Amino acid sequence: MKPPRRQFLHLAARAARLRSAARPLAAGAQGRKRLGVLMGKVATERWQSLLTIFRQEMGKRGWIEGENLETQVRWNAADPTLTQAYATDLVGLFKPDVLLSESSVILATLQRATSTIPIVFLSVSDPVEQGFVPNLPHPGGNITGFANAEFSIAGKWADLIKQMAPSITRVAYIFDTEVPNRLFLRAIEAAAPSLGIGVVAEPVRSTAEIETALARVVREPNIGVIFSGGRLSLRAKLIVETVARYRLPAIYGGVDEIFMAEGGLMQYGNDISEQYRLAPFYVDRILKGTKPGDLPVHLPTKFKLTINRKTATALGIEVPLGLLLAADEVIE
């Protein structure tokens, strides 16, 4: 038991803390807005740099973290359990004025968690087809944002891999079952007849299934491979190394350039950094009172084709001049 004087001082300090906690917030803190960010990736340098772009653009619009803006960021590393837990935490406990959502899986989870808190999404393909908004010009409701592309872009992937390796007669589309990649598959199948190729669907759910799918694919003669990114980007090193070992021509979709950083042959997708530069404009408007449903969904205007000539040489492929001229970046 504490001596009387020490007990008194302990109780006095505790009472002071309670009074401080109950005291109204200072004027600056009272006016502070809250932004919740849920990312479907690992917090790598690449993705941290994109959030830095976002924060810098917010700062240009007068939103300073710690002064008039409080931000909480969650990284789920593509873990469905963490996605649900973080969504519940942000919506139920943090109670933000705006949510920033990265990827279709994240957006679907947040959509189930709230129908009132405004959500600005990034990296979502064809939000109308997926049921997130009824239309692009006037989405209505609490959701708007920045789309990657329509699912028809997958037809372009098939066309590009055929140009790179004209001898292929089939393409294998290897995709993550946890995201709506079957809609990309539909577009590849629609483009295939005009390209003179057949299509093999290879849905995967784990790292082991990726390796099994590639081992199965390599048995097919004259075959190329398409990966659409998403959660598969977390296994980019394994995928690129395995594809190289089997000497398969492959193209990677999506917005994460990690496949190319690991030595991938080619990638085609929109410039994701553009979305992180533009999203603060929508967040700013919403924080100042604009309804998210009145802000049109923004479609990408910049697409990037990257070709790794060194990888092509290792595969015995001479990159066609037309592709070299069309490429935005050629890795020598």
Protein backbone atom coordinates (compact mmCIF):
# COMPACT_ATOMS: atom_id res chain seq x y z
CA MET A 1 0.00 0.00 0.00
CA LYS A 2 1.27 3.49 -0.93
CA PRO A 3 2.15 5.89 1.95
CA PRO A 4 -0.58 8.55 2.46
CA ARG A 5 1.38 11.38 0.77
CA ARG A 6 2.41 9.22 -2.22
CA GLN A 7 -1.17 7.93 -2.52
CA PHE A 8 -2.48 11.50 -2.53
CA LEU A 9 0.02 12.59 -5.21
CA HIS A 10 -0.85 9.50 -7.29
CA LEU A 11 -4.58 10.26 -7.09
CA ALA A 12 -4.01 13.92 -7.84
CA ALA A 13 -1.95 13.10 -10.93
CA ARG A 14 -4.57 10.60 -12.09
CA ALA A 15 -7.34 13.18 -11.63
CA ALA A 16 -5.30 15.72 -13.60
CA ARG A 17 -4.91 13.26 -16.43
CA LEU A 18 -8.65 12.57 -16.45
CA ARG A 19 -9.43 16.30 -16.49
CA SER A 20 -6.98 16.77 -19.37
CA ALA A 21 -8.59 13.92 -21.33
CA ALA A 22 -12.05 15.39 -20.80
CA ARG A 23 -10.98 18.92 -21.76
CA PRO A 24 -12.28 20.09 -25.18
CA LEU A 25 -9.78 19.95 -28.05
CA ALA A 26 -7.90 23.07 -28.96
CA ALA A 27 -9.34 25.05 -31.82
CA GLY A 28 -6.82 23.72 -34.36
CA ALA A 29 -7.43 20.09 -33.38
CA GLN A 30 -11.19 20.60 -33.35
CA GLY A 31 -11.13 21.61 -37.01
CA ARG A 32 -8.82 18.78 -38.06
CA LYS A 33 -10.18 16.45 -40.75
CA ARG A 34 -9.53 12.72 -40.77
CA LEU A 35 -8.31 10.65 -43.72
CA GLY A 36 -8.18 6.85 -43.58
CA VAL A 37 -6.00 5.03 -46.12
CA LEU A 38 -6.20 1.28 -46.76
CA MET A 39 -3.52 -0.16 -49.04
CA GLY A 40 -3.65 -3.68 -50.46
CA LYS A 41 0.12 -4.02 -50.71
CA VAL A 42 3.26 -4.46 -48.64
CA ALA A 43 4.77 -1.12 -47.58
CA THR A 44 7.66 -1.30 -50.04
CA GLU A 45 9.71 1.70 -51.12
CA ARG A 46 7.78 1.82 -54.41
CA TRP A 47 4.35 2.09 -52.76
CA GLN A 48 5.60 4.39 -50.01
CA SER A 49 6.88 6.74 -52.73
CA LEU A 50 3.43 6.85 -54.31
CA LEU A 51 1.89 7.80 -50.97
CA THR A 52 4.56 10.48 -50.66
CA ILE A 53 3.36 11.91 -53.99
CA PHE A 54 -0.20 11.88 -52.62
CA ARG A 55 0.86 13.64 -49.39
CA GLN A 56 2.83 16.27 -51.27
CA GLU A 57 -0.15 17.06 -53.49
CA MET A 58 -2.39 17.27 -50.41
CA GLY A 59 0.09 19.73 -48.93
CA LYS A 60 -0.11 21.90 -52.04
CA ARG A 61 -3.84 22.16 -51.39
CA GLY A 62 -3.27 23.31 -47.82
CA TRP A 63 -3.77 20.01 -45.99
CA ILE A 64 -0.96 19.62 -43.47
CA GLU A 65 -0.77 16.43 -41.43
CA GLY A 66 -0.70 17.13 -37.71
CA GLU A 67 -2.28 20.55 -38.22
CA ASN A 68 -5.58 20.43 -40.11
CA LEU A 69 -5.38 16.79 -41.23
CA GLU A 70 -4.98 13.52 -39.37
CA THR A 71 -4.12 10.49 -41.51
CA GLN A 72 -4.05 6.82 -40.61
CA VAL A 73 -2.60 4.34 -43.12
CA ARG A 74 -3.04 0.56 -43.03
CA TRP A 75 -1.09 -1.91 -45.20
CA ASN A 76 -2.74 -5.31 -45.53
CA ALA A 77 -0.09 -7.15 -47.62
CA ALA A 78 -2.96 -8.70 -49.62
CA ASP A 79 -4.17 -10.59 -46.55
CA PRO A 80 -8.02 -10.90 -46.60
CA THR A 81 -8.19 -11.19 -42.81
CA LEU A 82 -6.18 -8.01 -42.33
CA THR A 83 -8.26 -6.26 -44.99
CA GLN A 84 -11.46 -6.89 -43.03
CA ALA A 85 -9.88 -6.04 -39.67
CA TYR A 86 -8.38 -2.78 -40.93
CA ALA A 87 -11.57 -1.75 -42.69
CA THR A 88 -13.51 -2.30 -39.46
CA ASP A 89 -10.88 -0.40 -37.50
CA LEU A 90 -10.83 2.61 -39.82
CA VAL A 91 -14.59 2.86 -40.27
CA GLY A 92 -15.68 1.95 -36.74
CA LEU A 93 -12.94 3.45 -34.57
CA PHE A 94 -11.08 6.12 -36.55
CA LYS A 95 -14.29 7.42 -38.18
CA PRO A 96 -12.64 9.32 -41.05
CA ASP A 97 -14.15 12.11 -43.10
CA VAL A 98 -12.78 10.42 -46.25
CA LEU A 99 -11.38 6.98 -47.06
CA LEU A 100 -8.70 6.35 -49.70
CA SER A 101 -8.95 2.83 -51.12
CA GLU A 102 -6.31 0.98 -53.17
CA SER A 103 -7.46 -1.97 -55.33
CA SER A 104 -10.79 -3.67 -56.07
CA VAL A 105 -10.58 -6.03 -53.09
CA ILE A 106 -10.04 -3.12 -50.69
CA LEU A 107 -12.89 -1.13 -52.22
CA ALA A 108 -15.32 -4.07 -52.01
CA THR A 109 -14.48 -4.48 -48.31
CA LEU A 110 -14.92 -0.78 -47.54
CA GLN A 111 -18.12 -0.68 -49.58
CA ARG A 112 -19.57 -3.36 -47.28
CA ALA A 113 -18.31 -1.50 -44.21
CA THR A 114 -19.90 1.89 -44.95
CA SER A 115 -22.44 3.47 -47.24
CA THR A 116 -22.02 6.97 -45.81
CA ILE A 117 -18.30 7.77 -45.47
CA PRO A 118 -16.95 9.11 -48.80
CA ILE A 119 -14.52 6.73 -50.51
CA VAL A 120 -11.99 7.74 -53.19
CA PHE A 121 -10.60 4.67 -54.92
CA LEU A 122 -7.40 4.00 -56.85
CA SER A 123 -6.26 1.03 -58.97
CA VAL A 124 -9.73 -0.32 -59.77
CA SER A 125 -10.42 -1.77 -63.21
CA ASP A 126 -13.82 -1.05 -64.73
CA PRO A 127 -15.72 0.10 -61.59
CA VAL A 128 -19.08 -0.03 -63.41
CA GLU A 129 -18.61 -3.66 -64.46
CA GLN A 130 -17.65 -4.54 -60.88
CA GLY A 131 -20.71 -2.83 -59.45
CA PHE A 132 -18.99 -0.11 -57.45
CA VAL A 133 -20.69 2.77 -59.29
CA PRO A 134 -23.72 2.83 -61.63
CA ASN A 135 -21.98 5.03 -64.21
CA LEU A 136 -18.78 7.02 -64.67
CA PRO A 137 -19.99 10.63 -65.24
CA HIS A 138 -22.21 10.73 -62.14
CA PRO A 139 -21.42 7.82 -59.82
CA GLY A 140 -23.82 8.90 -57.06
CA GLY A 141 -23.58 7.37 -53.59
CA ASN A 142 -20.43 7.61 -51.49
CA ILE A 143 -17.87 6.25 -53.99
CA THR A 144 -15.80 7.82 -56.75
CA GLY A 145 -12.19 7.71 -57.84
CA PHE A 146 -9.62 6.75 -60.43
CA ALA A 147 -9.97 3.66 -62.60
CA ASN A 148 -7.09 1.69 -64.09
CA ALA A 149 -8.76 0.84 -67.37
CA GLU A 150 -11.61 -1.14 -68.80
CA PHE A 151 -11.15 -4.90 -68.78
CA SER A 152 -10.78 -4.73 -72.56
CA ILE A 153 -7.12 -3.76 -71.99
CA ALA A 154 -6.45 -7.49 -71.62
CA GLY A 155 -7.00 -7.86 -75.35
CA LYS A 156 -4.06 -5.49 -75.83
CA TRP A 157 -1.89 -7.75 -73.65
CA ALA A 158 -2.67 -10.68 -75.94
CA ASP A 159 -1.89 -8.60 -79.02
CA LEU A 160 1.45 -7.39 -77.61
CA ILE A 161 2.70 -10.85 -76.62
CA LYS A 162 1.77 -12.14 -80.06
CA GLN A 163 3.74 -9.30 -81.66
CA MET A 164 6.72 -10.06 -79.42
CA ALA A 165 6.64 -13.80 -80.15
CA PRO A 166 4.81 -14.33 -83.48
CA SER A 167 5.35 -18.10 -83.34
CA ILE A 168 3.06 -18.60 -80.32
CA THR A 169 -0.24 -20.32 -81.03
CA ARG A 170 -1.64 -20.21 -77.49
CA VAL A 171 -1.52 -17.94 -74.46
CA ALA A 172 -1.93 -19.00 -70.85
CA TYR A 173 -3.58 -16.43 -68.61
CA ILE A 174 -2.44 -17.00 -65.02
CA PHE A 175 -4.55 -15.02 -62.57
CA ASP A 176 -5.38 -14.64 -58.89
CA THR A 177 -8.81 -16.01 -58.01
CA GLU A 178 -9.30 -13.47 -55.20
CA VAL A 179 -9.80 -10.53 -57.55
CA PRO A 180 -12.11 -10.13 -60.58
CA ASN A 181 -9.51 -11.28 -63.13
CA ARG A 182 -12.00 -13.51 -64.93
CA LEU A 183 -13.26 -10.34 -66.59
CA PHE A 184 -9.77 -9.88 -68.08
CA LEU A 185 -9.93 -13.50 -69.21
CA ARG A 186 -13.15 -12.76 -71.09
CA ALA A 187 -11.41 -9.94 -72.98
CA ILE A 188 -8.42 -12.14 -73.85
CA GLU A 189 -10.75 -14.83 -75.18
CA ALA A 190 -12.60 -12.23 -77.27
CA ALA A 191 -9.35 -11.00 -78.85
CA ALA A 192 -7.82 -14.44 -79.40
CA PRO A 193 -9.54 -15.49 -82.69
CA SER A 194 -8.36 -12.40 -84.59
CA LEU A 195 -4.82 -13.05 -83.32
CA GLY A 196 -4.90 -16.70 -84.31
CA ILE A 197 -4.24 -18.01 -80.82
CA GLY A 198 -5.98 -20.25 -78.31
CA VAL A 199 -6.39 -19.38 -74.62
CA VAL A 200 -5.61 -21.46 -71.53
CA ALA A 201 -7.03 -20.26 -68.18
CA GLU A 202 -4.89 -20.95 -65.10
CA PRO A 203 -6.49 -19.60 -61.89
CA VAL A 204 -4.21 -19.75 -58.83
CA ARG A 205 -4.66 -19.20 -55.11
CA SER A 206 -1.16 -19.70 -53.68
CA THR A 207 2.56 -19.60 -54.43
CA ALA A 208 2.62 -23.37 -54.91
CA GLU A 209 -0.19 -23.16 -57.47
CA ILE A 210 1.73 -20.53 -59.44
CA GLU A 211 4.66 -22.92 -59.87
CA THR A 212 2.33 -25.82 -60.69
CA ALA A 213 0.51 -23.75 -63.30
CA LEU A 214 3.75 -22.72 -64.99
CA ALA A 215 5.01 -26.32 -64.96
CA ARG A 216 1.77 -27.35 -66.66
CA VAL A 217 1.87 -24.49 -69.17
CA VAL A 218 5.42 -25.23 -70.33
CA ARG A 219 4.29 -28.63 -71.63
CA GLU A 220 2.30 -26.81 -74.31
CA PRO A 221 4.29 -25.99 -77.48
CA ASN A 222 4.44 -22.42 -78.80
CA ILE A 223 2.79 -20.84 -75.77
CA GLY A 224 3.09 -17.40 -74.21
CA VAL A 225 2.00 -16.26 -70.75
CA ILE A 226 -0.04 -13.31 -69.46
CA PHE A 227 -0.09 -12.16 -65.83
CA SER A 228 -2.44 -9.33 -64.84
CA GLY A 229 -0.68 -8.26 -61.65
CA GLY A 230 -2.76 -7.64 -58.51
CA ARG A 231 -1.76 -9.89 -55.60
CA LEU A 232 0.54 -11.85 -57.93
CA SER A 233 2.90 -8.86 -57.85
CA LEU A 234 3.79 -9.93 -54.30
CA ARG A 235 5.37 -13.03 -55.89
CA ALA A 236 7.01 -11.12 -58.76
CA LYS A 237 10.53 -12.41 -58.16
CA LEU A 238 9.40 -16.05 -58.07
CA ILE A 239 7.21 -15.63 -61.15
CA VAL A 240 9.84 -13.89 -63.29
CA GLU A 241 12.56 -16.38 -62.30
CA THR A 242 10.31 -19.37 -63.03
CA VAL A 243 9.17 -17.94 -66.37
CA ALA A 244 12.84 -17.36 -67.31
CA ARG A 245 13.78 -20.91 -66.30
CA TYR A 246 11.09 -22.31 -68.58
CA ARG A 247 12.07 -19.81 -71.30
CA LEU A 248 8.50 -18.57 -71.77
CA PRO A 249 7.65 -15.23 -73.38
CA ALA A 250 5.45 -13.35 -70.90
CA ILE A 251 3.69 -10.02 -70.57
CA TYR A 252 2.64 -8.46 -67.28
CA GLY A 253 -0.36 -6.20 -66.85
CA GLY A 254 -1.35 -4.09 -63.90
CA VAL A 255 0.21 -0.91 -62.58
CA ASP A 256 3.00 -2.24 -60.38
CA GLU A 257 6.32 -2.21 -62.25
CA ILE A 258 7.93 -4.72 -59.90
CA PHE A 259 7.77 -7.44 -62.59
CA MET A 260 10.00 -5.33 -64.80
CA ALA A 261 12.29 -4.54 -61.89
CA GLU A 262 12.78 -8.30 -61.49
CA GLY A 263 13.65 -8.75 -65.17
CA GLY A 264 10.27 -9.33 -66.82
CA LEU A 265 10.07 -9.29 -70.63
CA MET A 266 7.33 -6.69 -71.13
CA GLN A 267 4.57 -4.82 -69.32
CA TYR A 268 1.65 -2.70 -70.41
CA GLY A 269 -0.59 -0.71 -68.09
CA ASN A 270 -1.55 2.78 -67.03
CA ASP A 271 0.75 5.12 -65.13
CA ILE A 272 -0.30 4.63 -61.49
CA SER A 273 1.67 7.67 -60.30
CA GLU A 274 -0.80 9.85 -62.23
CA GLN A 275 -3.62 8.60 -59.98
CA TYR A 276 -1.70 9.47 -56.81
CA ARG A 277 -1.08 12.98 -58.16
CA LEU A 278 -4.74 13.51 -59.09
CA ALA A 279 -6.51 11.84 -56.14
CA PRO A 280 -5.75 14.70 -53.70
CA PHE A 281 -7.91 16.97 -55.89
CA TYR A 282 -10.93 14.75 -55.17
CA VAL A 283 -10.08 14.30 -51.49
CA ASP A 284 -9.70 18.07 -51.13
CA ARG A 285 -13.06 18.71 -52.81
CA ILE A 286 -14.82 16.19 -50.58
CA LEU A 287 -13.23 17.55 -47.39
CA LYS A 288 -14.55 20.96 -48.41
CA GLY A 289 -18.09 19.69 -48.86
CA THR A 290 -18.47 18.26 -52.38
CA LYS A 291 -20.43 15.01 -52.51
CA PRO A 292 -18.37 12.12 -53.90
CA GLY A 293 -21.28 11.06 -56.11
CA ASP A 294 -21.03 14.38 -57.94
CA LEU A 295 -17.40 13.79 -58.93
CA PRO A 296 -17.02 11.74 -62.14
CA VAL A 297 -14.88 8.63 -62.11
CA HIS A 298 -11.59 9.48 -63.79
CA LEU A 299 -10.30 7.16 -66.53
CA PRO A 300 -6.56 6.84 -67.20
CA THR A 301 -5.04 8.96 -69.94
CA LYS A 302 -1.45 7.71 -69.73
CA PHE A 303 -0.44 4.13 -70.55
CA LYS A 304 3.06 2.76 -70.52
CA LEU A 305 4.68 -0.04 -72.54
CA THR A 306 7.98 -1.25 -71.10
CA ILE A 307 10.21 -3.78 -72.86
CA ASN A 308 13.29 -5.49 -71.45
CA ARG A 309 15.57 -6.08 -74.42
CA LYS A 310 18.11 -7.97 -72.32
CA THR A 311 15.47 -10.50 -71.30
CA ALA A 312 14.31 -10.81 -74.91
CA THR A 313 17.88 -11.62 -75.99
CA ALA A 314 18.16 -14.26 -73.28
CA LEU A 315 14.98 -15.87 -74.68
CA GLY A 316 16.33 -15.75 -78.23
CA ILE A 317 13.74 -13.14 -79.23
CA GLU A 318 14.57 -10.26 -81.54
CA VAL A 319 12.21 -7.48 -80.51
CA PRO A 320 10.25 -6.26 -83.56
CA LEU A 321 11.07 -2.72 -84.60
CA GLY A 322 7.40 -1.73 -84.31
CA LEU A 323 7.36 -2.66 -80.62
CA LEU A 324 10.61 -0.82 -79.95
CA LEU A 325 9.19 2.31 -81.53
CA ALA A 326 5.91 1.96 -79.59
CA ALA A 327 7.61 1.37 -76.23
CA ASP A 328 7.72 4.16 -73.68
CA GLU A 329 10.74 2.57 -72.02
CA VAL A 330 13.27 0.04 -73.32
CA ILE A 331 15.52 -1.64 -70.76
CA GLU A 332 18.82 -2.52 -72.43
